[in-house]
N, C-alpha and C. Protein backbone atom coordinates (compact mmCIF):
# COMPACT_ATOMS: atom_id res chain seq x y z
N THR A 1 123.07 185.60 93.09
CA THR A 1 122.35 186.84 93.25
C THR A 1 123.31 187.95 93.88
N PRO A 2 123.24 189.00 93.12
CA PRO A 2 124.04 189.83 93.25
C PRO A 2 124.43 191.20 94.59
N SER A 3 123.15 190.26 95.52
CA SER A 3 123.60 190.70 97.26
C SER A 3 124.58 190.17 97.80
N VAL A 4 124.95 188.64 97.69
CA VAL A 4 125.75 188.10 98.20
C VAL A 4 127.19 188.58 98.19
N ARG A 5 127.56 188.71 99.39
CA ARG A 5 128.90 189.22 99.98
C ARG A 5 129.62 188.61 100.31
N ARG A 6 129.45 187.81 101.15
CA ARG A 6 130.19 186.51 101.99
C ARG A 6 129.50 184.92 101.76
N VAL A 7 130.39 184.22 101.41
CA VAL A 7 130.21 182.86 101.43
C VAL A 7 130.54 181.73 102.74
N VAL A 8 129.80 181.20 103.29
CA VAL A 8 130.77 180.57 104.58
C VAL A 8 130.00 178.88 104.26
N LEU A 9 131.18 178.21 104.14
CA LEU A 9 131.39 176.72 104.07
C LEU A 9 131.43 176.03 105.23
N THR A 10 130.32 175.16 105.58
CA THR A 10 130.99 174.18 106.58
C THR A 10 131.66 172.99 106.06
N SER A 11 132.92 172.82 106.59
CA SER A 11 134.01 171.70 106.27
C SER A 11 134.48 171.07 107.56
N SER A 12 135.70 170.56 107.52
CA SER A 12 135.79 169.63 108.88
C SER A 12 137.14 169.75 108.73
N VAL A 13 137.70 169.36 110.23
CA VAL A 13 139.15 169.32 110.20
C VAL A 13 139.68 167.86 109.34
N ALA A 14 138.81 167.18 108.85
CA ALA A 14 138.84 166.44 107.95
C ALA A 14 139.84 166.95 106.81
N THR A 15 139.55 168.01 106.68
CA THR A 15 140.22 168.59 105.30
C THR A 15 141.84 168.47 105.59
N MET A 16 142.14 168.59 107.07
CA MET A 16 143.67 168.82 107.67
C MET A 16 144.51 167.84 107.78
N CYS A 17 143.52 166.70 108.16
CA CYS A 17 144.53 165.78 108.33
C CYS A 17 143.76 163.98 107.87
N THR A 18 144.00 163.07 107.83
CA THR A 18 143.08 161.75 107.68
C THR A 18 143.36 161.01 109.34
N ASP A 19 144.47 161.05 109.71
CA ASP A 19 144.77 160.49 111.21
C ASP A 19 145.41 161.19 112.16
N ALA A 20 145.07 160.84 113.18
CA ALA A 20 145.52 161.48 114.48
C ALA A 20 147.15 161.97 114.45
N SER A 21 147.45 160.71 114.14
CA SER A 21 149.07 160.40 113.70
C SER A 21 150.09 161.84 113.18
N GLU A 22 149.10 162.26 112.16
CA GLU A 22 149.62 163.25 110.80
C GLU A 22 150.03 164.19 111.63
N LYS A 23 149.60 164.56 113.23
CA LYS A 23 149.84 165.79 113.90
C LYS A 23 151.99 165.59 114.26
N ASP A 24 152.02 164.40 114.07
CA ASP A 24 153.44 163.87 113.97
C ASP A 24 154.86 164.78 112.78
N ASN A 25 153.86 164.55 111.85
CA ASN A 25 154.41 165.66 110.82
C ASN A 25 153.92 166.87 110.46
N ALA A 26 153.43 167.25 111.71
CA ALA A 26 153.15 168.63 110.93
C ALA A 26 154.16 169.86 111.62
N PRO A 27 154.21 170.99 111.13
CA PRO A 27 155.32 172.00 112.40
C PRO A 27 154.80 172.24 113.54
N ASN A 28 155.91 171.57 114.32
CA ASN A 28 155.72 171.90 115.72
C ASN A 28 155.02 170.61 116.68
N GLY A 29 154.61 169.69 115.46
CA GLY A 29 153.33 168.93 115.95
C GLY A 29 151.75 169.44 116.01
N ILE A 30 151.77 170.23 114.97
CA ILE A 30 150.17 171.07 115.59
C ILE A 30 149.56 171.16 114.43
N LEU A 31 148.53 170.69 113.94
CA LEU A 31 147.78 170.80 112.80
C LEU A 31 147.18 171.82 113.31
N THR A 32 147.49 173.19 111.79
CA THR A 32 147.04 174.47 111.88
C THR A 32 145.85 174.23 110.33
N GLU A 33 145.71 175.57 110.13
CA GLU A 33 144.98 175.93 109.00
C GLU A 33 145.47 176.03 107.58
N ASP A 34 146.79 176.00 107.80
CA ASP A 34 147.62 175.99 106.77
C ASP A 34 147.78 174.64 105.98
N ILE A 35 147.41 173.47 106.84
CA ILE A 35 147.78 172.25 105.94
C ILE A 35 146.43 171.54 105.37
N ILE A 36 146.41 171.13 104.28
CA ILE A 36 145.70 170.23 103.27
C ILE A 36 146.46 168.96 103.26
N ASN A 37 144.75 168.46 103.72
CA ASN A 37 144.73 166.93 103.72
C ASN A 37 145.16 166.35 101.95
N MET A 38 146.08 165.53 101.89
CA MET A 38 146.68 164.75 101.14
C MET A 38 146.99 163.28 101.45
N THR A 39 146.33 162.64 102.45
CA THR A 39 146.42 161.23 102.43
C THR A 39 144.82 160.09 102.56
N ALA A 40 144.14 161.25 102.57
CA ALA A 40 142.93 160.51 101.94
C ALA A 40 142.75 159.84 100.66
N SER A 41 142.03 158.95 100.44
CA SER A 41 141.94 158.71 98.96
C SER A 41 140.17 157.85 99.43
N LEU A 42 140.03 157.68 98.19
CA LEU A 42 138.19 156.47 97.92
C LEU A 42 138.23 155.70 98.77
N ASP A 43 139.69 154.96 98.92
CA ASP A 43 139.97 153.77 99.64
C ASP A 43 140.07 153.63 100.72
N TYR A 44 140.52 154.66 101.12
CA TYR A 44 141.29 154.80 102.60
C TYR A 44 140.80 156.33 103.19
N GLN A 45 139.69 155.89 104.36
CA GLN A 45 138.82 157.14 104.89
C GLN A 45 137.99 158.48 103.35
N PRO A 46 137.49 157.83 102.74
CA PRO A 46 136.73 158.65 101.57
C PRO A 46 135.90 159.94 102.51
N TYR A 47 135.00 159.25 103.26
CA TYR A 47 134.83 160.91 104.09
C TYR A 47 135.39 161.92 104.07
N HIS A 48 136.97 161.96 104.59
CA HIS A 48 137.82 162.86 104.15
C HIS A 48 138.53 163.11 102.87
N PHE A 49 138.48 162.19 102.44
CA PHE A 49 138.97 162.52 101.08
C PHE A 49 137.48 163.62 100.18
N GLY A 50 136.41 162.92 100.37
CA GLY A 50 135.38 163.83 99.72
C GLY A 50 135.05 165.47 100.52
N LYS A 51 135.21 165.58 101.62
CA LYS A 51 135.36 166.87 102.27
C LYS A 51 136.55 167.46 102.02
N THR A 52 137.93 167.15 101.39
CA THR A 52 138.48 168.04 100.96
C THR A 52 138.53 168.24 99.40
N LEU A 53 137.79 167.48 98.90
CA LEU A 53 137.41 167.67 97.48
C LEU A 53 136.62 168.92 96.97
N ALA A 54 135.41 168.92 98.17
CA ALA A 54 134.94 169.69 98.25
C ALA A 54 134.85 171.18 98.74
N GLU A 55 135.96 171.31 99.26
CA GLU A 55 136.81 172.89 100.01
C GLU A 55 137.50 172.83 98.95
N MET A 56 138.31 172.31 97.88
CA MET A 56 139.02 172.68 97.18
C MET A 56 137.90 173.29 96.13
N ALA A 57 137.17 172.75 96.03
CA ALA A 57 136.42 172.90 94.58
C ALA A 57 135.59 174.20 94.98
N ALA A 58 135.29 174.55 95.85
CA ALA A 58 134.59 175.75 96.86
C ALA A 58 135.72 177.08 96.62
N TRP A 59 136.86 176.92 97.38
CA TRP A 59 138.12 177.59 96.91
C TRP A 59 138.72 178.30 95.20
N ARG A 60 138.04 177.05 94.56
CA ARG A 60 138.25 177.21 93.13
C ARG A 60 137.41 178.38 92.24
N LEU A 61 136.19 178.35 93.01
CA LEU A 61 134.92 179.21 92.69
C LEU A 61 134.75 180.41 93.38
N ALA A 62 135.63 180.61 94.32
CA ALA A 62 135.61 181.84 95.41
C ALA A 62 136.63 182.37 94.14
N GLY A 63 137.85 182.12 93.77
CA GLY A 63 139.00 182.67 93.23
C GLY A 63 138.76 182.91 91.70
N SER A 64 137.39 182.68 91.28
CA SER A 64 137.11 183.03 90.27
C SER A 64 136.38 184.34 89.42
N GLN A 65 135.73 184.83 90.69
CA GLN A 65 135.21 185.99 90.59
C GLN A 65 135.22 186.76 91.82
N ASN A 66 134.79 187.93 91.64
CA ASN A 66 135.25 188.93 92.91
C ASN A 66 134.00 189.66 93.40
N GLN A 67 132.93 189.00 93.43
CA GLN A 67 131.40 189.09 93.72
C GLN A 67 131.78 189.34 95.44
N TRP A 68 131.68 188.16 95.89
CA TRP A 68 131.85 187.35 97.20
C TRP A 68 133.13 186.99 97.81
N THR A 69 133.57 186.71 99.34
CA THR A 69 134.64 185.92 99.99
C THR A 69 133.91 185.22 100.37
N LEU A 70 135.13 184.42 100.56
CA LEU A 70 134.82 182.78 101.32
C LEU A 70 135.41 182.80 102.59
N ALA A 71 134.39 181.95 103.48
CA ALA A 71 135.35 181.20 104.75
C ALA A 71 134.69 180.11 105.05
N THR A 72 135.85 179.58 105.64
CA THR A 72 135.18 178.29 105.91
C THR A 72 135.70 177.78 107.20
N ILE A 73 134.24 177.04 108.00
CA ILE A 73 134.61 176.32 109.17
C ILE A 73 134.68 175.01 109.22
N HIS A 74 135.44 174.52 110.27
CA HIS A 74 136.02 173.51 110.31
C HIS A 74 136.13 172.29 111.64
N PRO A 75 135.05 172.18 111.93
CA PRO A 75 134.76 172.02 112.99
C PRO A 75 135.23 170.43 113.31
N SER A 76 136.00 169.85 114.55
CA SER A 76 136.17 168.94 114.74
C SER A 76 134.86 168.09 115.29
N PHE A 77 134.76 167.17 115.78
CA PHE A 77 133.43 166.11 116.40
C PHE A 77 132.31 166.83 117.31
N VAL A 78 131.19 166.88 116.27
CA VAL A 78 130.55 167.68 116.96
C VAL A 78 129.52 166.96 117.78
N LEU A 79 129.34 167.97 119.17
CA LEU A 79 128.54 167.32 120.41
C LEU A 79 127.51 168.16 120.76
N GLY A 80 126.17 167.88 121.49
CA GLY A 80 125.56 168.52 122.01
C GLY A 80 124.57 168.31 121.54
N PRO A 81 123.37 169.30 122.64
CA PRO A 81 122.36 169.07 122.51
C PRO A 81 121.68 169.58 120.98
N GLY A 82 120.71 169.18 120.23
CA GLY A 82 120.10 169.89 118.92
C GLY A 82 118.93 170.51 118.93
N VAL A 83 118.54 171.21 118.11
CA VAL A 83 117.58 171.46 118.37
C VAL A 83 116.54 170.41 118.29
N LYS A 84 116.47 169.53 117.82
CA LYS A 84 115.72 168.43 117.45
C LYS A 84 116.62 167.21 117.79
N TYR A 85 115.92 166.06 118.96
CA TYR A 85 116.81 164.72 118.68
C TYR A 85 116.36 163.98 117.15
N HIS A 86 117.70 163.35 116.69
CA HIS A 86 118.01 162.79 115.68
C HIS A 86 118.39 161.15 115.65
N ALA A 87 117.77 160.36 115.66
CA ALA A 87 118.20 159.20 116.45
C ALA A 87 119.36 158.68 115.20
N SER A 88 119.33 159.22 114.42
CA SER A 88 120.35 159.17 113.31
C SER A 88 121.31 159.57 112.87
N SER A 89 121.62 160.75 113.37
CA SER A 89 122.72 161.81 113.40
C SER A 89 123.70 160.91 114.41
N GLU A 90 125.23 160.91 113.66
CA GLU A 90 126.79 160.33 114.06
C GLU A 90 126.68 160.90 115.62
N SER A 91 126.41 161.97 115.70
CA SER A 91 126.74 162.17 117.32
C SER A 91 126.20 161.89 118.38
N PHE A 92 124.62 161.70 117.83
CA PHE A 92 123.69 160.83 118.97
C PHE A 92 123.79 159.59 118.95
N LYS A 93 124.31 158.81 117.57
CA LYS A 93 124.61 157.26 117.95
C LYS A 93 125.84 156.69 118.16
N PHE A 94 126.52 158.05 118.77
CA PHE A 94 127.86 158.08 119.60
C PHE A 94 127.77 158.10 120.78
N MET A 95 126.78 158.89 121.44
CA MET A 95 126.34 158.99 122.85
C MET A 95 125.59 157.68 123.00
N VAL A 96 124.65 157.47 122.60
CA VAL A 96 124.16 156.04 122.65
C VAL A 96 124.77 154.42 122.87
N SER A 97 125.70 154.93 121.89
CA SER A 97 126.73 153.67 122.30
C SER A 97 127.56 153.76 123.43
N MET A 98 128.53 154.98 123.67
CA MET A 98 129.14 155.26 124.71
C MET A 98 128.74 154.95 125.98
N CYS A 99 127.04 155.13 126.10
CA CYS A 99 126.20 155.11 127.50
C CYS A 99 124.86 154.22 127.19
N GLY A 100 125.03 153.37 126.20
CA GLY A 100 123.82 152.29 126.10
C GLY A 100 124.63 150.55 126.28
N GLY A 101 126.23 150.48 126.68
CA GLY A 101 126.45 149.25 126.59
C GLY A 101 127.31 148.64 125.54
N GLU A 102 127.36 149.38 124.31
CA GLU A 102 127.88 148.66 123.31
C GLU A 102 129.15 148.80 123.49
N TYR A 103 129.64 149.54 124.62
CA TYR A 103 131.59 149.50 124.54
C TYR A 103 131.71 149.23 125.82
N ALA A 104 130.70 148.32 126.68
CA ALA A 104 130.75 148.28 128.15
C ALA A 104 131.68 147.24 128.90
N SER A 105 132.30 146.22 127.85
CA SER A 105 133.51 145.50 127.68
C SER A 105 134.85 145.82 127.39
N GLY A 106 135.02 147.66 127.06
CA GLY A 106 135.86 147.91 126.32
C GLY A 106 135.54 148.98 124.88
N ALA A 107 136.35 149.58 124.92
CA ALA A 107 136.21 150.85 123.58
C ALA A 107 137.36 150.91 123.26
N PRO A 108 137.48 150.95 121.81
CA PRO A 108 138.91 151.61 121.64
C PRO A 108 139.28 153.26 121.97
N ASN A 109 140.13 153.40 122.38
CA ASN A 109 140.74 154.60 122.72
C ASN A 109 141.02 155.68 121.21
N ILE A 110 140.42 156.03 120.33
CA ILE A 110 140.54 156.44 119.52
C ILE A 110 140.72 158.20 120.01
N GLY A 111 141.83 158.31 119.21
CA GLY A 111 141.76 160.33 119.72
C GLY A 111 141.10 160.58 118.51
N LEU A 112 140.47 162.16 119.00
CA LEU A 112 139.68 163.00 118.39
C LEU A 112 139.55 164.35 119.20
N GLY A 113 139.10 165.13 118.28
CA GLY A 113 139.03 166.34 118.51
C GLY A 113 137.55 166.65 119.04
N PHE A 114 137.05 167.63 119.53
CA PHE A 114 135.51 167.99 120.01
C PHE A 114 135.17 169.08 120.37
N VAL A 115 134.05 169.46 119.54
CA VAL A 115 133.37 170.55 119.82
C VAL A 115 131.95 170.89 120.07
N SER A 116 131.37 171.72 120.72
CA SER A 116 129.88 171.98 120.90
C SER A 116 129.29 172.37 119.97
N VAL A 117 128.08 172.32 119.62
CA VAL A 117 127.45 172.59 118.63
C VAL A 117 127.23 173.76 118.65
N ASP A 118 126.81 174.88 119.72
CA ASP A 118 126.94 176.10 120.13
C ASP A 118 128.03 176.68 119.37
N ASP A 119 129.15 176.04 119.70
CA ASP A 119 129.83 177.41 119.50
C ASP A 119 130.34 177.04 117.73
N VAL A 120 129.61 175.99 116.95
CA VAL A 120 129.99 175.86 115.72
C VAL A 120 129.04 176.72 115.20
N ALA A 121 127.75 176.78 116.05
CA ALA A 121 126.51 177.86 115.49
C ALA A 121 127.23 179.45 115.54
N LYS A 122 127.60 179.78 116.54
CA LYS A 122 128.26 180.84 116.87
C LYS A 122 128.99 181.54 115.53
N ALA A 123 130.41 180.37 115.35
CA ALA A 123 131.31 180.21 114.22
C ALA A 123 130.72 181.00 112.70
N HIS A 124 129.57 180.32 112.67
CA HIS A 124 129.04 180.49 111.26
C HIS A 124 128.36 181.70 111.15
N ILE A 125 128.02 182.29 112.47
CA ILE A 125 126.98 183.90 111.90
C ILE A 125 128.32 184.59 112.33
N VAL A 126 129.37 184.76 113.14
CA VAL A 126 130.10 185.66 113.34
C VAL A 126 130.82 185.43 111.46
N ALA A 127 131.55 184.25 110.76
CA ALA A 127 132.06 184.38 109.58
C ALA A 127 131.56 185.15 108.64
N ALA A 128 130.12 185.05 108.86
CA ALA A 128 128.91 185.40 107.99
C ALA A 128 128.98 186.93 107.62
N TYR A 129 129.35 187.72 109.10
CA TYR A 129 129.12 188.58 109.17
C TYR A 129 130.43 190.18 109.37
N LYS A 130 131.11 189.46 110.31
CA LYS A 130 132.34 190.15 110.76
C LYS A 130 133.15 190.02 109.63
N GLU A 131 133.28 191.65 108.77
CA GLU A 131 133.93 192.03 107.49
C GLU A 131 135.18 191.27 107.55
N ASP A 132 136.27 191.72 108.04
CA ASP A 132 137.62 190.96 108.03
C ASP A 132 137.92 189.35 108.34
N VAL A 133 136.86 188.80 108.26
CA VAL A 133 137.23 187.35 108.66
C VAL A 133 137.51 186.70 106.74
N VAL A 134 138.54 186.06 107.24
CA VAL A 134 138.64 185.20 105.87
C VAL A 134 139.64 183.95 106.26
N GLY A 135 139.24 182.92 104.97
CA GLY A 135 140.14 182.13 105.37
C GLY A 135 139.11 180.96 106.09
N ARG A 136 140.42 179.71 106.22
CA ARG A 136 139.87 178.56 107.18
C ARG A 136 139.79 178.65 108.27
N HIS A 137 139.20 178.14 108.98
CA HIS A 137 139.01 177.99 110.88
C HIS A 137 139.02 177.22 111.27
N ILE A 138 139.45 176.55 111.94
CA ILE A 138 139.36 175.17 112.70
C ILE A 138 138.79 175.51 113.90
N LEU A 139 137.65 174.67 114.02
CA LEU A 139 136.99 174.74 115.46
C LEU A 139 137.20 173.27 116.16
N SER A 140 137.93 173.39 117.14
CA SER A 140 137.80 172.83 118.56
C SER A 140 138.13 173.10 119.31
N ALA A 141 137.58 172.12 120.49
CA ALA A 141 137.44 172.64 122.14
C ALA A 141 138.69 172.56 122.69
N ALA A 142 138.69 170.83 122.63
CA ALA A 142 140.14 170.16 123.05
C ALA A 142 140.25 168.61 122.34
N ASN A 143 141.47 168.62 122.55
CA ASN A 143 141.89 167.24 121.63
C ASN A 143 141.80 166.03 122.91
N THR A 144 140.90 165.25 122.66
CA THR A 144 140.21 164.01 123.23
C THR A 144 140.41 163.03 123.25
N SER A 145 139.84 162.17 123.44
CA SER A 145 139.95 160.32 123.30
C SER A 145 138.67 159.51 123.39
N PHE A 146 138.34 158.57 123.34
CA PHE A 146 136.91 158.03 123.72
C PHE A 146 137.16 157.91 125.13
N MET A 147 137.99 157.32 125.83
CA MET A 147 138.31 157.09 127.17
C MET A 147 138.12 158.20 128.07
N GLU A 148 138.46 159.52 127.71
CA GLU A 148 138.27 160.48 128.39
C GLU A 148 137.08 160.91 128.34
N VAL A 149 136.31 160.96 127.24
CA VAL A 149 134.86 161.25 126.91
C VAL A 149 134.08 160.51 127.93
N ALA A 150 134.20 158.87 127.96
CA ALA A 150 133.77 157.83 128.79
C ALA A 150 133.90 158.59 130.74
N GLU A 151 135.13 158.96 130.48
CA GLU A 151 135.43 159.17 132.16
C GLU A 151 134.77 160.56 132.35
N THR A 152 134.73 161.48 131.79
CA THR A 152 133.76 162.50 132.03
C THR A 152 132.26 162.42 132.10
N LEU A 153 131.74 161.15 131.06
CA LEU A 153 130.33 160.77 131.57
C LEU A 153 129.92 160.19 132.40
N ARG A 154 130.68 159.10 133.40
CA ARG A 154 131.06 158.44 133.90
C ARG A 154 130.70 159.02 135.50
N LYS A 155 131.18 160.35 135.36
CA LYS A 155 131.11 160.96 136.81
C LYS A 155 129.57 161.22 136.99
N LYS A 156 129.45 161.87 136.34
CA LYS A 156 127.95 162.43 136.35
C LYS A 156 126.47 161.08 136.60
N TYR A 157 127.21 160.04 135.45
CA TYR A 157 126.15 158.79 135.16
C TYR A 157 127.03 157.65 135.38
N PRO A 158 127.10 157.53 136.61
CA PRO A 158 128.05 156.16 136.96
C PRO A 158 126.56 154.55 136.76
N GLN A 159 125.42 154.98 136.35
CA GLN A 159 124.47 154.43 136.45
C GLN A 159 124.38 153.66 135.31
N TYR A 160 124.54 154.21 134.32
CA TYR A 160 125.12 153.42 132.74
C TYR A 160 126.47 152.88 132.35
N PRO A 161 126.05 151.87 131.62
CA PRO A 161 127.42 150.99 131.64
C PRO A 161 128.25 151.23 130.20
N ILE A 162 128.84 152.63 131.04
CA ILE A 162 129.81 153.16 130.30
C ILE A 162 131.18 152.72 130.31
N PRO A 163 131.79 152.46 129.26
CA PRO A 163 133.24 151.81 129.39
C PRO A 163 134.46 152.06 130.07
N THR A 164 134.84 151.30 130.79
CA THR A 164 135.87 151.78 132.17
C THR A 164 137.16 151.48 132.07
N LYS A 165 137.39 150.51 130.49
CA LYS A 165 138.84 150.22 130.02
C LYS A 165 138.81 150.08 128.52
N ALA A 166 139.94 150.28 128.10
CA ALA A 166 140.16 150.37 126.26
C ALA A 166 140.37 149.01 125.97
N VAL A 167 140.35 149.00 124.88
CA VAL A 167 140.31 147.69 124.22
C VAL A 167 142.07 147.68 123.51
N PRO A 168 142.41 146.55 124.12
CA PRO A 168 144.33 146.52 124.10
C PRO A 168 144.24 147.18 122.43
N LYS A 169 145.41 148.32 122.21
CA LYS A 169 145.51 148.26 120.41
C LYS A 169 146.16 147.30 119.73
N ALA A 170 146.66 146.36 120.49
CA ALA A 170 147.16 145.43 119.55
C ALA A 170 146.42 144.03 119.40
N MET A 171 145.11 143.91 120.30
CA MET A 171 144.04 143.03 119.98
C MET A 171 142.81 143.81 118.53
N LEU A 172 143.09 144.84 118.73
CA LEU A 172 142.26 145.54 117.75
C LEU A 172 142.78 145.47 116.33
N TYR A 173 144.36 145.78 116.58
CA TYR A 173 144.75 145.37 114.89
C TYR A 173 144.65 144.11 114.45
N LEU A 174 144.40 143.20 115.18
CA LEU A 174 144.40 141.47 115.08
C LEU A 174 142.95 141.33 114.70
N ILE A 175 142.10 141.45 115.29
CA ILE A 175 140.57 141.29 115.25
C ILE A 175 139.79 142.51 114.68
N GLY A 176 140.09 143.57 114.82
CA GLY A 176 139.12 144.35 114.27
C GLY A 176 138.79 144.33 112.83
N PRO A 177 139.94 144.33 112.00
CA PRO A 177 139.10 143.99 110.04
C PRO A 177 138.13 142.82 110.78
N LEU A 178 138.58 141.84 111.07
CA LEU A 178 137.43 140.30 111.50
C LEU A 178 136.05 141.02 111.91
N ILE A 179 136.10 142.09 112.77
CA ILE A 179 134.58 142.32 113.56
C ILE A 179 133.94 143.59 112.16
N HIS A 180 134.93 144.36 111.73
CA HIS A 180 134.12 145.17 110.56
C HIS A 180 135.09 145.33 109.32
N SER A 181 134.29 145.36 107.85
CA SER A 181 135.26 145.69 107.41
C SER A 181 135.76 147.28 107.53
N ALA A 182 135.12 147.97 108.09
CA ALA A 182 135.52 149.44 107.98
C ALA A 182 136.86 149.83 109.57
N ILE A 183 136.72 148.62 109.94
CA ILE A 183 138.07 148.83 110.90
C ILE A 183 139.38 148.64 110.58
N LYS A 184 140.39 149.23 109.92
CA LYS A 184 141.43 149.24 109.14
C LYS A 184 142.66 149.09 109.83
N ARG A 185 143.22 147.85 109.85
CA ARG A 185 144.60 147.76 110.17
C ARG A 185 145.14 149.89 110.77
N ARG A 186 145.48 150.04 109.39
CA ARG A 186 145.90 151.30 109.33
C ARG A 186 145.38 152.44 109.86
N PHE A 187 144.02 151.96 110.22
CA PHE A 187 143.50 153.38 111.21
C PHE A 187 143.63 153.04 112.74
N VAL A 188 143.67 151.77 112.80
CA VAL A 188 144.09 151.19 114.24
C VAL A 188 145.57 151.62 114.68
N MET A 189 146.34 151.55 114.03
CA MET A 189 147.95 151.96 113.95
C MET A 189 148.11 153.59 114.35
N LYS A 190 146.95 154.43 113.53
CA LYS A 190 147.37 155.63 113.37
C LYS A 190 146.38 156.79 114.18
N ASN A 191 145.56 155.92 114.87
CA ASN A 191 144.36 156.43 115.77
C ASN A 191 144.26 156.25 116.87
N VAL A 192 144.54 154.65 117.22
CA VAL A 192 144.65 154.14 118.47
C VAL A 192 145.05 154.70 119.46
N ASP A 193 145.04 155.09 120.77
CA ASP A 193 146.21 155.29 121.56
C ASP A 193 146.71 156.73 120.96
N VAL A 194 146.07 157.13 119.71
CA VAL A 194 146.83 158.54 119.60
C VAL A 194 146.01 159.88 119.53
N LYS A 195 146.83 160.78 120.14
CA LYS A 195 146.15 161.97 120.46
C LYS A 195 146.44 162.89 119.28
N THR A 196 144.87 163.68 118.99
CA THR A 196 145.54 164.58 117.75
C THR A 196 145.81 165.83 118.39
N ASN A 197 146.16 166.72 117.64
CA ASN A 197 146.41 168.09 118.06
C ASN A 197 146.03 169.51 117.36
N TYR A 198 144.47 169.78 117.02
CA TYR A 198 144.24 170.61 116.63
C TYR A 198 144.74 171.87 116.94
N ASP A 199 144.96 173.27 116.27
CA ASP A 199 145.38 174.29 116.91
C ASP A 199 143.98 175.48 116.56
N ASN A 200 143.48 175.50 117.78
CA ASN A 200 142.30 176.35 117.70
C ASN A 200 142.29 178.23 117.55
N THR A 201 143.67 178.58 117.59
CA THR A 201 144.09 179.78 118.25
C THR A 201 143.31 181.01 117.28
N LYS A 202 143.17 180.28 115.63
CA LYS A 202 142.69 181.55 115.05
C LYS A 202 140.75 182.20 115.24
N SER A 203 140.21 180.75 115.41
CA SER A 203 138.89 180.66 115.77
C SER A 203 138.64 181.74 116.91
N LYS A 204 139.25 181.59 118.17
CA LYS A 204 139.35 182.30 119.19
C LYS A 204 139.57 184.01 118.67
N GLU A 205 140.64 184.23 117.81
CA GLU A 205 141.10 185.69 117.90
C GLU A 205 140.36 186.15 117.00
N ALA A 206 139.73 185.24 115.53
CA ALA A 206 139.25 185.59 114.61
C ALA A 206 137.96 186.08 114.88
N LEU A 207 137.62 184.84 115.60
CA LEU A 207 136.09 184.51 115.68
C LEU A 207 135.34 184.80 116.49
N GLY A 208 136.24 185.20 117.87
CA GLY A 208 135.69 185.54 118.92
C GLY A 208 135.21 183.97 119.95
N ILE A 209 135.92 182.99 119.44
CA ILE A 209 134.87 181.73 120.06
C ILE A 209 135.54 181.41 121.52
N GLU A 210 134.64 181.33 122.56
CA GLU A 210 135.04 180.83 123.86
C GLU A 210 134.28 179.81 124.32
N TYR A 211 135.16 178.84 124.25
CA TYR A 211 134.94 177.50 123.94
C TYR A 211 134.30 177.12 125.44
N ARG A 212 132.76 176.26 125.06
CA ARG A 212 132.48 175.75 126.30
C ARG A 212 133.07 174.62 126.47
N PRO A 213 132.86 174.18 127.71
CA PRO A 213 133.59 173.05 128.44
C PRO A 213 132.93 171.83 128.13
N MET A 214 133.66 170.46 128.13
CA MET A 214 133.44 169.26 126.98
C MET A 214 132.51 168.99 128.27
N ASP A 215 132.34 168.83 129.22
CA ASP A 215 131.33 168.19 130.23
C ASP A 215 130.26 169.09 130.34
N GLU A 216 130.06 170.08 130.42
CA GLU A 216 128.68 170.83 129.91
C GLU A 216 128.27 170.26 128.91
N THR A 217 128.74 170.42 127.83
CA THR A 217 128.23 169.81 126.57
C THR A 217 127.75 168.06 126.41
N LEU A 218 128.77 167.53 127.04
CA LEU A 218 128.22 165.58 127.02
C LEU A 218 127.32 165.92 128.06
N TYR A 219 126.86 166.44 129.05
CA TYR A 219 125.78 166.00 130.18
C TYR A 219 124.67 166.44 129.42
N GLU A 220 124.61 167.62 129.02
CA GLU A 220 123.18 168.22 128.25
C GLU A 220 122.88 167.66 127.25
N MET A 221 123.64 166.60 126.07
CA MET A 221 123.36 166.12 125.31
C MET A 221 123.04 164.68 125.80
N LEU A 222 123.07 164.04 127.14
CA LEU A 222 122.97 162.85 127.36
C LEU A 222 121.71 162.85 127.76
N GLU A 223 121.32 163.73 128.49
CA GLU A 223 119.85 164.79 128.97
C GLU A 223 119.49 164.56 127.97
N GLN A 224 119.45 164.86 126.61
CA GLN A 224 118.35 165.14 125.40
C GLN A 224 118.54 163.75 124.95
N VAL A 225 119.44 162.70 124.88
CA VAL A 225 119.32 161.43 124.24
C VAL A 225 117.83 160.84 125.50
N ILE A 226 118.60 161.11 126.77
CA ILE A 226 117.25 160.35 127.53
C ILE A 226 115.98 160.83 127.74
N GLU A 227 115.87 161.89 127.69
CA GLU A 227 114.67 162.28 127.34
C GLU A 227 114.20 162.18 126.36
N ASN A 228 114.46 161.95 124.89
CA ASN A 228 113.61 161.32 123.74
C ASN A 228 113.76 160.16 123.48
N GLY A 229 113.94 159.40 124.92
CA GLY A 229 114.01 157.64 124.43
C GLY A 229 115.21 156.91 123.76
N GLY A 230 116.22 157.94 123.57
CA GLY A 230 117.21 157.03 123.22
C GLY A 230 117.90 156.25 123.99
N LEU A 231 117.70 156.45 125.33
CA LEU A 231 118.12 155.62 126.16
C LEU A 231 117.15 155.29 127.54
N GLU A 232 117.26 154.30 128.12
CA GLU A 232 116.18 154.10 129.07
C GLU A 232 116.76 155.29 130.53
N LYS A 233 115.80 156.02 130.83
CA LYS A 233 116.50 156.64 132.23
C LYS A 233 116.38 155.99 133.31
N LYS A 234 117.56 156.12 133.90
CA LYS A 234 117.78 155.42 135.39
C LYS A 234 118.11 156.29 136.51
């Protein structure tokens, strides 16, 4: 369409790295928009591999014409209440697992970035209409972990079986692959008890994002899960 002047692609921080430990090889230990994922494959973290290929294809397409410019948005793990509750959503399934007892005996303390869905929505709108927005933009409010999320939730919802302890990394390394084929020893070594370190400076400066606190986002999301029957009200 000739009227199109800007295209905004929803990508992911998965296109910057495959594992949380990759921050150790990044300049100053920080994962920025300058880094492209070169470690994912069809055999290891295929989601990250697919996201990276898709983004690279988008940049090639953008470079082949001069009608429109491209901006890409790279959220970390998106949480927060949705317009509608979807039980099949990975974010909602995470919340149900965290508060419904699946990890009651212990959770894998996986490092991850977190961002509110509200901030992701705002970033897309700004990127679409602000003329000087260019390039890639990491959207991540905090570098956190499963156990930090659990601790935050327990403060307000102690009546739910939210995990209070982490499964030892050595145990996960030994028995993880026996429990589920997706739990690879490489993943355990590089992501369990390892915090990631995404740089959100560009999103603040170029997109004007003022990140919502993690606790507010988690509480609002859990309330939506409870109200829609994802978890029993207690």
